[in-house]
N, C-alpha and C. Protein backbone atom coordinates (compact mmCIF):
# COMPACT_ATOMS: atom_id res chain seq x y z
N MET A 1 -4.60 6.14 2.74
CA MET A 1 -4.60 5.81 1.27
C MET A 1 -3.71 7.10 0.51
N THR A 2 -3.24 6.47 -0.60
CA THR A 2 -2.26 7.63 -1.31
C THR A 2 -3.18 8.67 -1.93
N THR A 3 -2.68 9.64 -1.98
CA THR A 3 -3.56 10.98 -2.41
C THR A 3 -3.54 10.97 -3.88
N THR A 4 -4.82 10.95 -4.63
CA THR A 4 -4.76 11.05 -6.11
C THR A 4 -4.28 12.18 -6.44
N LYS A 5 -3.57 12.07 -7.68
CA LYS A 5 -2.68 13.17 -8.41
C LYS A 5 -3.52 13.36 -9.66
N LEU A 6 -3.87 14.85 -9.81
CA LEU A 6 -4.67 15.12 -11.01
C LEU A 6 -3.91 16.25 -11.75
N ALA A 7 -3.56 15.85 -13.05
CA ALA A 7 -3.01 17.10 -13.91
C ALA A 7 -4.15 17.62 -14.77
N VAL A 8 -4.22 18.90 -14.67
CA VAL A 8 -5.12 19.68 -15.68
C VAL A 8 -4.17 20.30 -16.71
N ILE A 9 -4.33 19.83 -17.97
CA ILE A 9 -3.49 20.10 -19.04
C ILE A 9 -4.25 20.85 -20.11
N TYR A 10 -4.02 22.14 -20.70
CA TYR A 10 -4.88 22.75 -21.45
C TYR A 10 -4.39 23.61 -22.22
N TYR A 11 -4.92 23.95 -23.41
CA TYR A 11 -4.47 25.09 -24.23
C TYR A 11 -5.79 26.16 -24.38
N SER A 12 -5.56 27.45 -24.39
CA SER A 12 -6.49 28.32 -24.27
C SER A 12 -5.95 29.74 -25.07
N SER A 13 -6.56 30.19 -25.99
CA SER A 13 -6.37 31.31 -26.74
C SER A 13 -6.68 32.67 -26.44
N GLN A 14 -8.15 32.62 -25.81
CA GLN A 14 -8.62 33.82 -25.44
C GLN A 14 -9.16 33.87 -23.88
N GLY A 15 -8.69 32.80 -23.18
CA GLY A 15 -8.94 32.62 -21.80
C GLY A 15 -10.29 31.84 -21.33
N ASN A 16 -10.87 31.48 -22.16
CA ASN A 16 -12.19 30.63 -21.92
C ASN A 16 -11.94 29.12 -21.33
N VAL A 17 -10.84 28.46 -22.10
CA VAL A 17 -10.45 27.16 -21.67
C VAL A 17 -9.67 27.37 -20.44
N HIS A 18 -8.94 28.42 -20.37
CA HIS A 18 -8.18 28.65 -19.16
C HIS A 18 -8.92 28.81 -17.81
N LYS A 19 -10.08 29.62 -18.07
CA LYS A 19 -11.05 29.84 -17.03
C LYS A 19 -11.68 28.31 -16.53
N LEU A 20 -12.02 27.62 -17.66
CA LEU A 20 -12.52 26.24 -17.13
C LEU A 20 -11.37 25.34 -16.33
N ALA A 21 -10.35 25.56 -17.12
CA ALA A 21 -9.16 24.61 -16.44
C ALA A 21 -8.81 25.08 -14.94
N ALA A 22 -8.82 26.39 -14.69
CA ALA A 22 -8.63 26.76 -13.42
C ALA A 22 -9.61 26.32 -12.31
N ALA A 23 -10.83 26.32 -12.82
CA ALA A 23 -12.14 25.95 -11.93
C ALA A 23 -11.99 24.39 -11.94
N ALA A 24 -11.53 23.55 -12.86
CA ALA A 24 -11.31 22.22 -12.80
C ALA A 24 -10.04 21.94 -11.61
N ALA A 25 -9.17 22.73 -11.69
CA ALA A 25 -8.03 22.44 -10.65
C ALA A 25 -8.51 22.68 -9.34
N ALA A 26 -8.94 23.76 -9.17
CA ALA A 26 -9.64 24.31 -7.79
C ALA A 26 -10.45 23.15 -7.20
N ALA A 27 -11.40 22.63 -8.12
CA ALA A 27 -12.53 21.35 -7.71
C ALA A 27 -11.69 20.34 -7.54
N GLY A 28 -10.59 19.97 -8.09
CA GLY A 28 -9.87 18.81 -7.96
C GLY A 28 -9.24 18.86 -6.37
N GLU A 29 -8.68 19.96 -6.06
CA GLU A 29 -8.10 20.26 -4.83
C GLU A 29 -9.12 20.03 -3.72
N LYS A 30 -10.26 20.63 -4.02
CA LYS A 30 -11.21 20.54 -3.19
C LYS A 30 -11.88 19.22 -2.77
N ALA A 31 -11.77 18.36 -3.88
CA ALA A 31 -12.11 16.93 -3.74
C ALA A 31 -10.98 15.91 -3.16
N GLY A 32 -9.86 16.74 -2.60
CA GLY A 32 -8.78 15.94 -2.13
C GLY A 32 -7.61 15.50 -2.92
N ALA A 33 -7.54 15.96 -4.16
CA ALA A 33 -6.43 15.50 -4.97
C ALA A 33 -5.33 16.51 -5.01
N GLU A 34 -4.18 15.95 -5.19
CA GLU A 34 -3.05 16.86 -5.39
C GLU A 34 -3.17 17.34 -6.87
N VAL A 35 -2.84 18.47 -7.19
CA VAL A 35 -3.14 19.03 -8.56
C VAL A 35 -2.00 19.68 -9.17
N ARG A 36 -1.86 19.33 -10.38
CA ARG A 36 -0.96 20.52 -11.12
C ARG A 36 -1.73 21.03 -12.31
N LEU A 37 -1.59 22.48 -12.40
CA LEU A 37 -2.35 23.18 -13.59
C LEU A 37 -1.23 23.30 -14.59
N ARG A 38 -1.23 22.88 -15.71
CA ARG A 38 -0.21 23.12 -16.86
C ARG A 38 -0.83 23.68 -18.07
N ARG A 39 -0.20 24.29 -18.80
CA ARG A 39 -0.76 24.96 -20.07
C ARG A 39 0.34 24.25 -21.29
N THR A 40 -0.22 24.29 -22.41
CA THR A 40 0.76 23.67 -23.58
C THR A 40 1.23 24.80 -24.13
N ALA A 41 2.39 24.87 -24.78
CA ALA A 41 3.17 26.00 -25.25
C ALA A 41 2.55 26.72 -26.45
N GLU A 42 2.32 28.03 -26.55
CA GLU A 42 2.00 28.81 -27.77
C GLU A 42 2.90 28.43 -28.87
N LEU A 43 2.32 28.16 -30.06
CA LEU A 43 3.31 27.66 -31.11
C LEU A 43 3.54 28.85 -32.10
N THR A 44 2.78 30.10 -31.91
CA THR A 44 3.05 31.08 -33.03
C THR A 44 3.29 32.35 -32.15
N THR A 45 3.90 33.37 -32.68
CA THR A 45 3.98 34.75 -32.25
C THR A 45 2.90 35.51 -32.79
N GLU A 46 2.31 35.04 -33.76
CA GLU A 46 1.15 36.00 -34.44
C GLU A 46 -0.25 35.20 -34.33
N SER A 47 -1.07 36.16 -34.11
CA SER A 47 -2.67 35.52 -33.99
C SER A 47 -3.19 34.94 -35.08
N ILE A 48 -3.95 33.99 -34.78
CA ILE A 48 -4.62 33.31 -35.79
C ILE A 48 -5.67 33.98 -36.76
N VAL A 49 -5.81 35.20 -36.26
CA VAL A 49 -7.01 36.03 -36.79
C VAL A 49 -6.24 37.38 -37.37
N PRO A 50 -5.59 37.44 -38.50
CA PRO A 50 -5.10 38.45 -38.87
C PRO A 50 -5.87 39.50 -39.18
N GLY A 51 -5.59 40.81 -38.86
CA GLY A 51 -6.46 41.95 -39.09
C GLY A 51 -7.54 42.41 -38.14
N ASN A 52 -7.78 41.46 -37.27
CA ASN A 52 -8.65 41.56 -36.16
C ASN A 52 -8.20 42.21 -34.96
N ASP A 53 -8.00 43.37 -34.87
CA ASP A 53 -7.22 44.13 -33.62
C ASP A 53 -7.81 43.83 -32.43
N THR A 54 -8.96 43.67 -32.32
CA THR A 54 -9.73 43.36 -30.85
C THR A 54 -9.32 41.97 -30.41
N TRP A 55 -9.43 41.22 -31.27
CA TRP A 55 -9.24 39.61 -31.04
C TRP A 55 -7.80 39.34 -30.65
N ASN A 56 -7.01 39.97 -31.52
CA ASN A 56 -5.44 39.87 -31.20
C ASN A 56 -5.03 40.38 -30.16
N GLN A 57 -5.68 41.77 -29.62
CA GLN A 57 -5.29 42.21 -28.36
C GLN A 57 -5.87 41.26 -27.19
N VAL A 58 -6.88 40.53 -27.23
CA VAL A 58 -7.36 39.63 -26.28
C VAL A 58 -6.43 38.39 -26.28
N TRP A 59 -5.99 37.93 -27.32
CA TRP A 59 -5.09 36.85 -27.46
C TRP A 59 -3.91 37.17 -26.84
N ALA A 60 -3.14 38.43 -26.96
CA ALA A 60 -1.96 38.66 -26.52
C ALA A 60 -1.93 39.13 -25.02
N ASP A 61 -3.09 39.75 -24.48
CA ASP A 61 -3.48 39.73 -23.14
C ASP A 61 -3.29 38.69 -22.29
N HIS A 62 -4.15 37.60 -22.79
CA HIS A 62 -4.36 36.25 -22.26
C HIS A 62 -2.94 35.64 -22.00
N LEU A 63 -2.13 35.63 -23.13
CA LEU A 63 -0.71 34.94 -23.07
C LEU A 63 -0.10 35.71 -21.98
N GLU A 64 -0.04 36.76 -21.83
CA GLU A 64 0.60 37.58 -20.98
C GLU A 64 0.12 37.10 -19.50
N SER A 65 -1.04 37.04 -19.36
CA SER A 65 -1.57 36.86 -18.02
C SER A 65 -1.32 35.42 -17.54
N VAL A 66 -0.94 34.44 -18.43
CA VAL A 66 -0.77 33.00 -18.01
C VAL A 66 0.93 32.74 -18.00
N LYS A 67 1.51 33.68 -18.36
CA LYS A 67 2.93 33.38 -18.48
C LYS A 67 3.63 32.66 -17.33
N ASP A 68 3.09 32.84 -15.93
CA ASP A 68 3.73 32.11 -14.86
C ASP A 68 3.21 30.77 -14.83
N ILE A 69 2.18 30.38 -15.50
CA ILE A 69 1.68 29.15 -15.48
C ILE A 69 2.77 28.01 -16.11
N PRO A 70 3.18 26.95 -15.48
CA PRO A 70 4.23 26.23 -16.15
C PRO A 70 3.65 25.49 -17.29
N GLU A 71 4.59 25.21 -18.18
CA GLU A 71 4.23 24.57 -19.38
C GLU A 71 4.09 22.81 -19.18
N ALA A 72 3.33 22.35 -19.92
CA ALA A 72 3.23 20.72 -19.46
C ALA A 72 4.49 19.96 -19.89
N THR A 73 4.67 19.04 -19.20
CA THR A 73 5.86 18.00 -19.57
C THR A 73 5.45 16.51 -19.45
N LEU A 74 6.28 15.78 -20.12
CA LEU A 74 5.86 14.39 -19.95
C LEU A 74 5.92 13.89 -18.54
N GLU A 75 6.74 14.62 -17.83
CA GLU A 75 6.95 14.33 -16.28
C GLU A 75 5.49 14.34 -15.66
N ASP A 76 4.64 15.52 -15.97
CA ASP A 76 3.58 15.67 -15.32
C ASP A 76 2.47 14.56 -15.79
N LEU A 77 2.41 14.08 -16.86
CA LEU A 77 1.74 12.95 -17.23
C LEU A 77 2.12 11.75 -16.48
N GLU A 78 3.31 11.41 -16.32
CA GLU A 78 3.90 10.32 -15.70
C GLU A 78 3.57 10.21 -14.18
N TRP A 79 3.52 11.51 -13.65
CA TRP A 79 3.08 11.95 -12.18
C TRP A 79 1.69 11.59 -11.93
N ALA A 80 0.97 11.72 -12.88
CA ALA A 80 -0.65 12.11 -12.71
C ALA A 80 -1.19 10.43 -12.60
N ASP A 81 -2.35 10.33 -11.75
CA ASP A 81 -3.09 9.32 -11.72
C ASP A 81 -4.36 9.62 -12.92
N ALA A 82 -4.67 10.91 -12.97
CA ALA A 82 -5.89 11.38 -13.71
C ALA A 82 -5.27 12.74 -14.40
N VAL A 83 -5.78 12.67 -15.52
CA VAL A 83 -5.55 13.98 -16.46
C VAL A 83 -6.77 14.68 -17.07
N MET A 84 -6.99 15.77 -16.89
CA MET A 84 -8.12 16.55 -17.50
C MET A 84 -7.48 17.46 -18.54
N TRP A 85 -8.15 17.15 -19.89
CA TRP A 85 -7.56 17.94 -21.10
C TRP A 85 -8.42 18.89 -21.24
N GLY A 86 -8.18 20.16 -21.52
CA GLY A 86 -8.79 21.19 -22.09
C GLY A 86 -8.21 21.91 -23.37
N THR A 87 -9.29 22.18 -24.33
CA THR A 87 -8.53 22.59 -25.59
C THR A 87 -9.59 23.50 -26.26
N SER A 88 -9.29 24.61 -26.88
CA SER A 88 -9.97 25.32 -28.02
C SER A 88 -10.52 24.40 -28.99
N GLY A 89 -11.52 24.50 -29.58
CA GLY A 89 -12.06 23.72 -30.83
C GLY A 89 -11.60 24.18 -31.99
N ARG A 90 -10.81 23.50 -32.87
CA ARG A 90 -10.55 24.10 -34.17
C ARG A 90 -10.92 23.22 -35.24
N TYR A 91 -12.07 23.61 -35.96
CA TYR A 91 -12.74 22.88 -37.03
C TYR A 91 -13.00 21.55 -36.44
N GLY A 92 -13.61 21.30 -35.10
CA GLY A 92 -13.95 20.08 -34.70
C GLY A 92 -12.67 19.25 -34.24
N LEU A 93 -11.56 19.85 -34.17
CA LEU A 93 -10.39 19.22 -33.79
C LEU A 93 -9.62 19.92 -32.67
N PRO A 94 -8.72 19.28 -31.84
CA PRO A 94 -8.08 20.00 -30.83
C PRO A 94 -7.18 21.04 -31.36
N ALA A 95 -6.89 22.17 -30.56
CA ALA A 95 -5.81 23.02 -30.98
C ALA A 95 -4.56 22.41 -31.33
N ALA A 96 -3.71 23.04 -32.01
CA ALA A 96 -2.46 22.44 -32.63
C ALA A 96 -1.39 22.61 -31.34
N SER A 97 -1.50 23.24 -30.34
CA SER A 97 -0.67 23.19 -29.31
C SER A 97 -0.77 22.01 -28.33
N LEU A 98 -2.23 21.66 -28.12
CA LEU A 98 -2.40 20.62 -27.37
C LEU A 98 -2.17 19.25 -28.02
N LYS A 99 -2.39 19.32 -29.52
CA LYS A 99 -2.26 18.10 -30.29
C LYS A 99 -0.53 17.83 -30.19
N GLN A 100 0.18 18.99 -30.46
CA GLN A 100 1.54 18.78 -30.61
C GLN A 100 2.12 18.14 -29.06
N PHE A 101 1.73 18.41 -27.93
CA PHE A 101 2.05 17.97 -26.76
C PHE A 101 1.71 16.36 -26.87
N ILE A 102 0.37 16.04 -27.23
CA ILE A 102 0.20 14.74 -27.29
C ILE A 102 1.06 13.79 -28.25
N ASP A 103 1.26 14.55 -29.40
CA ASP A 103 2.26 13.99 -30.31
C ASP A 103 3.66 13.53 -29.78
N LEU A 104 4.06 14.31 -28.50
CA LEU A 104 5.26 14.20 -27.83
C LEU A 104 5.41 13.07 -26.84
N THR A 105 4.19 12.26 -26.71
CA THR A 105 3.87 11.45 -25.56
C THR A 105 4.44 9.97 -25.96
N LEU A 106 5.07 9.87 -27.08
CA LEU A 106 5.46 8.51 -27.64
C LEU A 106 6.17 7.73 -26.65
N PRO A 107 7.37 8.43 -26.28
CA PRO A 107 8.38 7.72 -25.22
C PRO A 107 7.61 7.20 -23.89
N LEU A 108 6.66 7.92 -23.45
CA LEU A 108 5.93 7.53 -22.20
C LEU A 108 4.92 6.37 -22.85
N HIS A 109 4.25 6.33 -23.95
CA HIS A 109 3.39 5.42 -24.48
C HIS A 109 4.16 4.17 -24.56
N MET A 110 5.29 4.38 -25.26
CA MET A 110 6.23 3.07 -25.58
C MET A 110 6.41 2.28 -24.25
N LYS A 111 6.57 2.93 -23.17
CA LYS A 111 6.96 2.08 -21.96
C LYS A 111 5.62 1.91 -21.06
N ARG A 112 4.37 2.05 -21.82
CA ARG A 112 3.09 1.70 -21.24
C ARG A 112 2.84 2.50 -19.93
N GLY A 113 3.41 3.93 -20.24
CA GLY A 113 3.30 4.95 -19.01
C GLY A 113 2.15 5.41 -18.96
N LEU A 114 1.10 5.04 -19.71
CA LEU A 114 -0.31 5.93 -19.68
C LEU A 114 -1.45 4.92 -19.40
N VAL A 115 -0.96 3.61 -19.35
CA VAL A 115 -2.00 2.71 -19.26
C VAL A 115 -2.67 2.90 -17.79
N ASN A 116 -4.24 2.63 -17.99
CA ASN A 116 -4.96 2.76 -16.78
C ASN A 116 -4.97 4.17 -16.10
N LYS A 117 -4.44 5.19 -16.79
CA LYS A 117 -4.81 6.46 -16.08
C LYS A 117 -5.99 6.95 -16.64
N VAL A 118 -6.72 7.72 -15.60
CA VAL A 118 -7.98 8.27 -15.87
C VAL A 118 -7.96 9.54 -16.81
N MET A 119 -8.67 9.72 -17.74
CA MET A 119 -8.56 10.87 -18.73
C MET A 119 -10.09 11.42 -18.75
N SER A 120 -10.14 12.73 -18.97
CA SER A 120 -11.43 13.36 -19.19
C SER A 120 -11.16 14.64 -19.83
N SER A 121 -12.11 15.26 -20.68
CA SER A 121 -11.82 16.46 -21.49
C SER A 121 -13.05 17.43 -21.45
N PHE A 122 -12.63 18.64 -22.00
CA PHE A 122 -13.52 19.71 -22.07
C PHE A 122 -12.93 20.56 -23.14
N THR A 123 -13.91 21.56 -23.62
CA THR A 123 -13.50 22.51 -24.77
C THR A 123 -14.34 23.63 -24.65
N SER A 124 -13.96 24.63 -25.49
CA SER A 124 -14.68 25.75 -25.81
C SER A 124 -14.77 26.18 -27.43
N THR A 125 -15.89 26.63 -27.72
CA THR A 125 -15.69 27.07 -29.30
C THR A 125 -16.42 28.29 -29.38
N ALA A 126 -16.32 29.21 -30.37
CA ALA A 126 -17.00 30.35 -30.46
C ALA A 126 -18.46 30.24 -30.87
N THR A 127 -18.96 29.23 -31.15
CA THR A 127 -20.37 28.94 -31.53
C THR A 127 -21.04 27.68 -31.03
N LEU A 128 -22.36 27.88 -30.85
CA LEU A 128 -23.09 26.75 -30.30
C LEU A 128 -22.73 25.39 -30.98
N HIS A 129 -22.69 25.26 -32.23
CA HIS A 129 -22.47 24.33 -32.87
C HIS A 129 -21.07 24.26 -33.51
N GLY A 130 -20.12 24.61 -32.77
CA GLY A 130 -18.70 24.74 -33.24
C GLY A 130 -17.94 23.54 -33.31
N GLY A 131 -18.42 22.33 -33.17
CA GLY A 131 -17.29 21.11 -33.08
C GLY A 131 -17.16 20.68 -31.59
N GLN A 132 -17.93 21.02 -30.75
CA GLN A 132 -17.42 20.85 -29.36
C GLN A 132 -17.37 19.13 -29.14
N GLU A 133 -18.38 18.57 -29.59
CA GLU A 133 -18.46 16.85 -29.26
C GLU A 133 -17.26 16.36 -30.34
N SER A 134 -17.01 16.71 -31.29
CA SER A 134 -16.16 16.14 -32.13
C SER A 134 -14.80 16.22 -31.74
N THR A 135 -14.56 17.59 -31.12
CA THR A 135 -13.24 18.00 -30.53
C THR A 135 -12.93 16.85 -29.47
N ILE A 136 -13.91 16.66 -28.53
CA ILE A 136 -13.64 16.02 -27.46
C ILE A 136 -13.29 14.29 -27.84
N LEU A 137 -14.21 13.87 -28.81
CA LEU A 137 -14.01 12.75 -29.44
C LEU A 137 -12.80 12.41 -30.16
N ALA A 138 -12.15 13.45 -30.72
CA ALA A 138 -10.82 13.50 -31.37
C ALA A 138 -9.75 13.31 -30.33
N LEU A 139 -9.92 13.90 -29.19
CA LEU A 139 -8.93 13.81 -28.15
C LEU A 139 -9.11 12.26 -27.75
N ASN A 140 -10.24 11.75 -27.55
CA ASN A 140 -10.35 10.41 -26.98
C ASN A 140 -9.61 9.38 -27.78
N ASN A 141 -9.35 9.85 -29.13
CA ASN A 141 -8.68 8.64 -30.05
C ASN A 141 -7.08 8.44 -29.45
N ALA A 142 -6.58 9.50 -28.93
CA ALA A 142 -5.33 9.21 -28.46
C ALA A 142 -5.39 8.37 -27.06
N PHE A 143 -6.46 8.50 -26.32
CA PHE A 143 -6.45 7.91 -25.04
C PHE A 143 -6.89 6.39 -25.32
N TYR A 144 -7.51 5.87 -26.42
CA TYR A 144 -7.88 4.47 -26.80
C TYR A 144 -6.51 3.89 -26.87
N HIS A 145 -5.61 4.60 -27.72
CA HIS A 145 -4.28 4.06 -28.06
C HIS A 145 -3.33 3.80 -26.86
N TRP A 146 -3.43 4.75 -25.98
CA TRP A 146 -2.64 4.53 -24.43
C TRP A 146 -3.09 3.44 -23.74
N GLY A 147 -4.37 3.02 -23.86
CA GLY A 147 -4.93 2.11 -22.91
C GLY A 147 -5.45 2.84 -21.68
N ALA A 148 -5.69 4.11 -21.81
CA ALA A 148 -6.30 4.96 -20.58
C ALA A 148 -7.66 4.60 -20.39
N LEU A 149 -8.19 5.21 -19.37
CA LEU A 149 -9.55 5.00 -19.10
C LEU A 149 -10.46 6.35 -19.03
N ILE A 150 -11.42 6.44 -20.03
CA ILE A 150 -12.07 7.80 -20.31
C ILE A 150 -13.17 7.82 -19.37
N VAL A 151 -13.17 8.91 -18.64
CA VAL A 151 -14.37 9.05 -17.86
C VAL A 151 -15.03 10.52 -18.21
N PRO A 152 -16.20 10.49 -18.91
CA PRO A 152 -17.21 11.61 -19.31
C PRO A 152 -17.83 11.94 -18.12
N PRO A 153 -18.35 13.23 -18.10
CA PRO A 153 -19.36 13.68 -17.21
C PRO A 153 -20.67 12.80 -17.11
N GLY A 154 -21.24 12.53 -18.44
CA GLY A 154 -22.40 11.79 -18.58
C GLY A 154 -23.61 12.76 -18.22
N VAL A 155 -24.72 12.23 -18.08
CA VAL A 155 -25.64 12.95 -17.58
C VAL A 155 -26.12 12.22 -16.26
N ALA A 156 -25.27 12.54 -15.33
CA ALA A 156 -25.10 11.81 -14.04
C ALA A 156 -25.33 12.77 -12.67
N ASP A 157 -25.62 13.91 -13.30
CA ASP A 157 -25.83 15.10 -12.01
C ASP A 157 -26.62 16.14 -12.52
N ASP A 158 -27.24 16.75 -11.55
CA ASP A 158 -28.54 17.72 -12.24
C ASP A 158 -27.64 18.95 -12.86
N ILE A 159 -26.67 19.33 -12.90
CA ILE A 159 -25.94 20.37 -13.42
C ILE A 159 -25.99 19.91 -14.95
N GLN A 160 -25.82 18.67 -15.30
CA GLN A 160 -26.02 18.28 -16.71
C GLN A 160 -27.26 18.72 -17.43
N LEU A 161 -28.26 19.14 -16.55
CA LEU A 161 -29.54 19.37 -17.18
C LEU A 161 -29.74 20.92 -17.25
N ALA A 162 -28.83 21.72 -16.80
CA ALA A 162 -28.84 23.11 -16.95
C ALA A 162 -29.04 23.46 -18.41
N PRO A 163 -29.54 24.71 -18.65
CA PRO A 163 -29.97 25.23 -20.01
C PRO A 163 -28.79 25.41 -20.95
N THR A 164 -27.48 25.86 -20.32
CA THR A 164 -26.32 26.14 -21.08
C THR A 164 -25.41 25.20 -21.00
N ASN A 165 -25.62 23.99 -20.60
CA ASN A 165 -24.88 22.93 -20.31
C ASN A 165 -25.33 21.70 -21.01
N GLY A 166 -24.98 20.66 -20.31
CA GLY A 166 -25.74 19.33 -20.85
C GLY A 166 -24.81 18.37 -21.80
N ASN A 167 -23.75 18.61 -22.12
CA ASN A 167 -22.80 17.83 -22.85
C ASN A 167 -22.30 16.68 -22.17
N PRO A 168 -22.76 15.51 -22.49
CA PRO A 168 -22.39 14.40 -21.59
C PRO A 168 -20.83 13.86 -22.07
N TYR A 169 -20.31 14.48 -23.00
CA TYR A 169 -18.84 14.04 -23.56
C TYR A 169 -17.95 14.85 -22.77
N GLY A 170 -18.25 15.95 -22.28
CA GLY A 170 -17.24 16.87 -21.49
C GLY A 170 -17.82 18.26 -21.53
N VAL A 171 -17.42 19.03 -20.61
CA VAL A 171 -17.97 20.33 -20.63
C VAL A 171 -17.62 21.15 -21.82
N SER A 172 -18.59 21.91 -22.38
CA SER A 172 -18.44 22.73 -23.63
C SER A 172 -18.92 23.97 -23.56
N SER A 173 -17.95 25.07 -23.52
CA SER A 173 -18.37 26.40 -23.30
C SER A 173 -18.40 26.93 -24.82
N VAL A 174 -19.48 27.91 -24.86
CA VAL A 174 -19.46 28.73 -26.08
C VAL A 174 -19.11 30.37 -25.77
N SER A 175 -17.96 30.70 -26.43
CA SER A 175 -17.34 32.03 -26.05
C SER A 175 -17.97 33.07 -26.82
N ARG A 176 -18.60 32.79 -27.94
CA ARG A 176 -19.15 33.99 -29.06
C ARG A 176 -17.96 35.00 -29.14
N ASN A 177 -16.80 34.40 -29.32
CA ASN A 177 -15.45 35.10 -29.57
C ASN A 177 -15.10 36.31 -28.59
N GLN A 178 -15.66 36.16 -27.27
CA GLN A 178 -15.50 37.00 -26.17
C GLN A 178 -14.46 36.19 -25.24
N GLY A 179 -13.45 36.95 -24.76
CA GLY A 179 -12.49 36.46 -23.78
C GLY A 179 -13.04 36.19 -22.38
N GLY A 180 -12.59 35.18 -21.94
CA GLY A 180 -13.10 34.64 -20.61
C GLY A 180 -14.58 34.54 -20.58
N ASN A 181 -15.35 34.24 -21.63
CA ASN A 181 -16.81 34.29 -21.52
C ASN A 181 -17.42 32.99 -21.10
N VAL A 182 -17.44 32.49 -19.92
CA VAL A 182 -17.80 31.24 -19.64
C VAL A 182 -18.93 31.44 -18.69
N ASP A 183 -20.02 30.54 -19.04
CA ASP A 183 -21.34 30.81 -18.18
C ASP A 183 -21.09 30.03 -16.93
N ASP A 184 -21.77 30.60 -15.94
CA ASP A 184 -21.70 30.15 -14.44
C ASP A 184 -22.10 28.57 -14.49
N ASP A 185 -23.00 27.96 -15.34
CA ASP A 185 -23.46 26.76 -15.50
C ASP A 185 -22.22 25.83 -15.88
N ASN A 186 -21.43 26.43 -17.02
CA ASN A 186 -20.30 25.58 -17.45
C ASN A 186 -19.27 25.49 -16.32
N LEU A 187 -19.11 26.61 -15.35
CA LEU A 187 -18.18 26.56 -14.35
C LEU A 187 -18.54 25.45 -13.07
N ALA A 188 -19.92 25.43 -12.95
CA ALA A 188 -20.40 24.41 -12.04
C ALA A 188 -20.32 23.15 -12.67
N ALA A 189 -20.65 22.85 -13.89
CA ALA A 189 -20.41 21.42 -14.62
C ALA A 189 -18.81 21.12 -14.55
N ILE A 190 -17.91 22.22 -14.82
CA ILE A 190 -16.47 21.65 -14.76
C ILE A 190 -15.81 21.08 -13.53
N GLU A 191 -16.63 21.78 -12.52
CA GLU A 191 -16.41 21.53 -10.92
C GLU A 191 -16.82 20.12 -10.83
N TYR A 192 -18.11 19.68 -11.33
CA TYR A 192 -18.77 18.24 -11.16
C TYR A 192 -17.68 17.41 -11.89
N GLN A 193 -17.40 17.74 -13.21
CA GLN A 193 -16.51 16.87 -13.86
C GLN A 193 -15.27 16.38 -13.31
N ALA A 194 -14.64 17.59 -12.61
CA ALA A 194 -13.24 17.23 -11.86
C ALA A 194 -13.61 16.25 -10.62
N ARG A 195 -14.74 16.47 -9.94
CA ARG A 195 -15.17 15.68 -8.77
C ARG A 195 -15.17 14.13 -9.36
N ARG A 196 -15.81 13.98 -10.47
CA ARG A 196 -16.13 12.81 -10.77
C ARG A 196 -14.85 12.10 -11.43
N THR A 197 -13.95 12.92 -11.99
CA THR A 197 -12.73 12.44 -12.43
C THR A 197 -11.91 11.88 -11.38
N VAL A 198 -11.77 12.88 -10.13
CA VAL A 198 -10.83 12.49 -9.03
C VAL A 198 -11.65 11.21 -8.36
N GLU A 199 -13.01 11.21 -8.22
CA GLU A 199 -13.61 9.91 -7.72
C GLU A 199 -13.20 8.72 -8.19
N ILE A 200 -13.30 8.59 -9.64
CA ILE A 200 -13.02 7.44 -10.43
C ILE A 200 -11.51 7.14 -10.03
N ALA A 201 -10.76 8.10 -10.25
CA ALA A 201 -9.28 7.79 -9.86
C ALA A 201 -9.17 7.24 -8.30
N ASP A 202 -9.72 7.98 -7.55
CA ASP A 202 -9.56 7.41 -6.08
C ASP A 202 -9.99 6.00 -5.93
N LEU A 203 -11.13 5.54 -6.73
CA LEU A 203 -11.71 4.22 -6.65
C LEU A 203 -10.61 3.16 -7.18
N LEU A 204 -9.92 3.66 -8.27
CA LEU A 204 -9.01 2.65 -8.65
C LEU A 204 -7.80 2.78 -8.02
N ASN A 205 -7.30 3.64 -7.37
CA ASN A 205 -6.19 3.58 -6.43
C ASN A 205 -6.57 2.70 -5.19
N ARG A 206 -7.96 2.82 -4.75
CA ARG A 206 -8.06 1.99 -3.52
C ARG A 206 -8.02 0.51 -4.00
N GLY A 207 -8.59 0.12 -5.22
CA GLY A 207 -8.57 -1.06 -5.57
C GLY A 207 -7.26 -1.76 -5.90
N ARG A 208 -6.37 -0.78 -6.39
CA ARG A 208 -4.87 -1.32 -6.55
C ARG A 208 -4.23 -1.60 -5.23
N GLN A 209 -4.54 -0.76 -4.24
CA GLN A 209 -3.95 -0.99 -2.94
C GLN A 209 -4.46 -2.26 -2.35
N SER A 210 -5.84 -2.41 -2.41
CA SER A 210 -6.34 -3.70 -1.91
C SER A 210 -5.68 -5.00 -2.46
N LEU A 211 -5.25 -4.98 -3.70
CA LEU A 211 -4.62 -6.10 -4.36
C LEU A 211 -3.22 -6.26 -3.87
N ARG A 212 -2.72 -5.44 -3.18
CA ARG A 212 -1.14 -5.49 -2.72
C ARG A 212 -0.96 -6.54 -1.70
């Protein structure tokens, strides 16, 4: 059987989404997938929180720490059978960096290059009710246009019943404006979400092969 190819594409400003993305990539590999971990480009050389020296330092330190992770390209999307998308929440919307990358997918979309690919999303916001679900739903709008197949974690595993987790739309971390502040339950949940994403992509691949 052909090995499922998983791309984990994300934007992170303080390292929280990065931590989730790295855990997703590791879980995908453990589930037997070939994995690419990719970040989207930082769009500014200035912090989005002027005057907050602590936040700005965390932002700058994180950007330096991920400089060796390749930036996402359309080729990564074309290559992948499944894509997990991670983004910081911005007023209930995806961060501009990830949104810009999605905006650049038109050439691939025009040749139906994203049809039937598996998509799953996760996010992190500063506060408990910081727009996590609306951020994920906003990402889903693009997937509908592509004809992609959305795979949420659902409430289909015990980890979804953990006190600090439970979002059936996609893993949603609460950073409380602290860099890399991801609960263990969230890390376990993103591992489950990655396994589920790979499992569904595996089943689709097997179905395609059986029809050949």
